[in-house]
Amino acid sequence: GGGGSGDLGGSGPGRFDRVLCKEVMHHLEDRSRFLHALRRNRLRPHARLLIVTRPQVEIDYPLWPAATAVWAAAQPAEAVLVEELKLAGFTDVHACTRAFACSVPVDQWCGLIESRFWSTFSNFTDEELRAATKEIRARSSSDPLVFEDRIVLISARSE
């Protein structure tokens, strides 16, 4: 889903030594513009940027096919983000993925989905979400649900 334009020019809070972008990159309409403006207008020389996001396709969340497709369409791939950072003039770009074991009661997970705790779910009607959580409950062989959460960490330095 669309988000801000990435305009970081002109007035603002100043320049920073460190910036954290946590789960926002997939909301930006023009990531390239945002990254260029961030580096030029908001970061001091040799500042550090850390992007925290999730993988585009290698996910283990208990979802349904339509949600997985929406997720993949909206979430930029790690390699794409790395390339965009380099093209924006960032150096010392490194990426890694970390996995964490998760255990969530089925009813709690389904409640999170129905409350649209991730922007992915804003693409579905209430009726579609109820049908999807009914499907998740029906195919759940255990309670709680056990899955792996994966976090992508990308660090870069401004020059």
Protein backbone atom coordinates (compact mmCIF):
# COMPACT_ATOMS: atom_id res chain seq x y z
CA GLY A 1 0.00 0.00 0.00
CA GLY A 2 1.11 3.52 -0.76
CA GLY A 3 2.61 5.78 1.79
CA GLY A 4 4.57 8.97 2.02
CA SER A 5 6.43 10.49 -0.85
CA GLY A 6 9.77 10.38 0.90
CA ASP A 7 10.24 14.16 0.78
CA LEU A 8 12.91 14.99 3.35
CA GLY A 9 14.12 18.31 1.95
CA GLY A 10 13.89 21.80 3.35
CA SER A 11 12.79 22.30 6.92
CA GLY A 12 12.88 19.55 9.47
CA PRO A 13 14.45 18.31 12.65
CA GLY A 14 18.07 18.48 11.46
CA ARG A 15 20.74 15.90 10.72
CA PHE A 16 21.32 12.58 12.44
CA ASP A 17 24.13 10.14 13.15
CA ARG A 18 21.80 7.14 13.25
CA VAL A 19 18.41 6.42 11.70
CA LEU A 20 16.19 3.38 12.17
CA CYS A 21 13.56 2.54 9.53
CA LYS A 22 11.51 -0.25 11.07
CA GLU A 23 8.93 -1.91 8.85
CA VAL A 24 8.28 1.20 6.77
CA MET A 25 10.07 0.65 3.47
CA HIS A 26 7.15 -1.23 1.90
CA HIS A 27 4.87 1.74 2.65
CA LEU A 28 6.89 4.29 0.68
CA GLU A 29 5.67 5.18 -2.80
CA ASP A 30 9.18 6.11 -3.96
CA ARG A 31 11.88 4.40 -1.90
CA SER A 32 14.64 5.63 -4.19
CA ARG A 33 13.63 9.27 -3.69
CA PHE A 34 13.31 8.73 0.06
CA LEU A 35 16.77 7.13 0.35
CA HIS A 36 18.45 9.84 -1.75
CA ALA A 37 16.78 12.61 0.27
CA LEU A 38 17.58 10.90 3.57
CA ARG A 39 21.26 10.61 2.70
CA ARG A 40 21.54 14.16 1.28
CA ASN A 41 19.34 16.08 3.68
CA ARG A 42 19.07 14.27 7.00
CA LEU A 43 22.22 12.22 7.62
CA ARG A 44 25.56 13.53 8.79
CA PRO A 45 28.68 12.20 7.07
CA HIS A 46 29.39 8.60 8.06
CA ALA A 47 25.97 8.23 9.67
CA ARG A 48 24.46 4.76 10.04
CA LEU A 49 21.11 3.63 8.70
CA LEU A 50 19.41 0.45 9.86
CA ILE A 51 16.43 -0.93 7.98
CA VAL A 52 14.39 -3.58 9.77
CA THR A 53 11.90 -5.40 7.58
CA ARG A 54 10.65 -8.88 6.76
CA PRO A 55 11.41 -11.20 3.85
CA GLN A 56 9.37 -10.91 0.70
CA VAL A 57 8.70 -14.59 0.06
CA GLU A 58 10.50 -16.78 2.57
CA ILE A 59 7.91 -16.41 5.31
CA ASP A 60 6.51 -19.02 7.66
CA TYR A 61 3.47 -17.16 8.99
CA PRO A 62 0.19 -19.09 9.19
CA LEU A 63 -1.54 -17.18 6.41
CA TRP A 64 -3.80 -18.08 3.50
CA PRO A 65 -2.76 -17.95 -0.20
CA ALA A 66 -4.34 -14.56 -0.98
CA ALA A 67 -2.59 -12.92 2.01
CA THR A 68 0.73 -14.49 1.03
CA ALA A 69 0.32 -13.06 -2.49
CA VAL A 70 -0.52 -9.56 -1.16
CA TRP A 71 2.47 -9.76 1.18
CA ALA A 72 4.86 -10.73 -1.63
CA ALA A 73 3.54 -7.98 -3.93
CA ALA A 74 3.98 -5.25 -1.30
CA GLN A 75 7.17 -6.33 0.46
CA PRO A 76 10.41 -5.38 -1.35
CA ALA A 77 13.00 -8.12 -1.66
CA GLU A 78 16.17 -7.83 0.40
CA ALA A 79 18.33 -7.64 -2.75
CA VAL A 80 16.18 -4.81 -4.12
CA LEU A 81 16.59 -2.78 -0.93
CA VAL A 82 20.35 -3.37 -0.92
CA GLU A 83 20.61 -2.19 -4.53
CA GLU A 84 18.43 0.86 -3.86
CA LEU A 85 20.69 1.84 -0.95
CA LYS A 86 23.80 1.56 -3.12
CA LEU A 87 22.19 3.56 -5.93
CA ALA A 88 21.26 6.25 -3.40
CA GLY A 89 24.94 6.61 -2.49
CA PHE A 90 25.10 4.54 0.68
CA THR A 91 28.20 2.46 1.30
CA ASP A 92 29.14 -0.43 3.56
CA VAL A 93 25.74 -2.02 2.88
CA HIS A 94 25.18 -5.34 4.67
CA ALA A 95 22.11 -7.53 4.97
CA CYS A 96 21.24 -10.54 7.06
CA THR A 97 18.15 -12.42 8.10
CA ARG A 98 17.49 -13.60 11.63
CA ALA A 99 14.89 -16.19 12.56
CA PHE A 100 12.95 -16.42 15.82
CA ALA A 101 10.71 -19.21 17.01
CA CYS A 102 7.15 -18.03 17.67
CA SER A 103 4.27 -19.65 19.46
CA VAL A 104 0.86 -17.95 19.40
CA PRO A 105 -2.51 -19.36 20.48
CA VAL A 106 -4.71 -19.91 17.41
CA ASP A 107 -7.49 -17.64 18.66
CA GLN A 108 -5.02 -14.86 19.44
CA TRP A 109 -3.40 -15.13 15.98
CA CYS A 110 -6.79 -15.07 14.28
CA GLY A 111 -7.81 -12.07 16.39
CA LEU A 112 -4.67 -10.24 15.31
CA ILE A 113 -5.45 -10.93 11.67
CA GLU A 114 -9.07 -9.80 12.03
CA SER A 115 -7.87 -6.58 13.70
CA ARG A 116 -5.51 -6.03 10.73
CA PHE A 117 -2.34 -5.88 12.83
CA TRP A 118 -0.27 -5.88 9.62
CA SER A 119 -1.01 -3.62 6.68
CA THR A 120 -1.27 -6.75 4.49
CA PHE A 121 -4.67 -7.40 6.00
CA SER A 122 -6.03 -3.96 5.07
CA ASN A 123 -6.46 -5.37 1.56
CA PHE A 124 -9.25 -7.68 2.72
CA THR A 125 -12.85 -7.11 3.78
CA ASP A 126 -14.08 -8.15 7.22
CA GLU A 127 -15.88 -11.07 5.58
CA GLU A 128 -12.71 -12.22 3.79
CA LEU A 129 -10.74 -12.04 7.03
CA ARG A 130 -13.36 -14.04 8.91
CA ALA A 131 -13.30 -16.70 6.16
CA ALA A 132 -9.50 -16.76 6.22
CA THR A 133 -9.28 -17.15 10.00
CA LYS A 134 -11.92 -19.90 9.83
CA GLU A 135 -9.63 -21.65 7.32
CA ILE A 136 -6.59 -21.15 9.57
CA ARG A 137 -8.46 -22.61 12.55
CA ALA A 138 -9.64 -25.60 10.49
CA ARG A 139 -6.16 -26.48 9.23
CA SER A 140 -4.37 -25.86 12.53
CA SER A 141 -3.09 -29.17 13.80
CA SER A 142 -1.87 -27.69 17.06
CA ASP A 143 -2.68 -24.92 19.47
CA PRO A 144 -0.68 -22.83 19.91
CA LEU A 145 0.50 -22.20 16.35
CA VAL A 146 4.25 -22.61 16.08
CA PHE A 147 6.10 -20.84 13.29
CA GLU A 148 9.28 -18.96 12.53
CA ASP A 149 9.37 -15.18 12.36
CA ARG A 150 12.11 -13.85 10.12
CA ILE A 151 13.53 -10.35 10.34
CA VAL A 152 15.73 -8.78 7.66
CA LEU A 153 18.34 -6.33 8.93
CA ILE A 154 20.07 -4.05 6.42
CA SER A 155 22.73 -1.61 7.57
CA ALA A 156 24.38 1.11 5.51
CA ARG A 157 26.61 4.15 5.93
CA SER A 158 26.29 7.61 4.41
CA GLU A 159 29.37 9.25 2.95
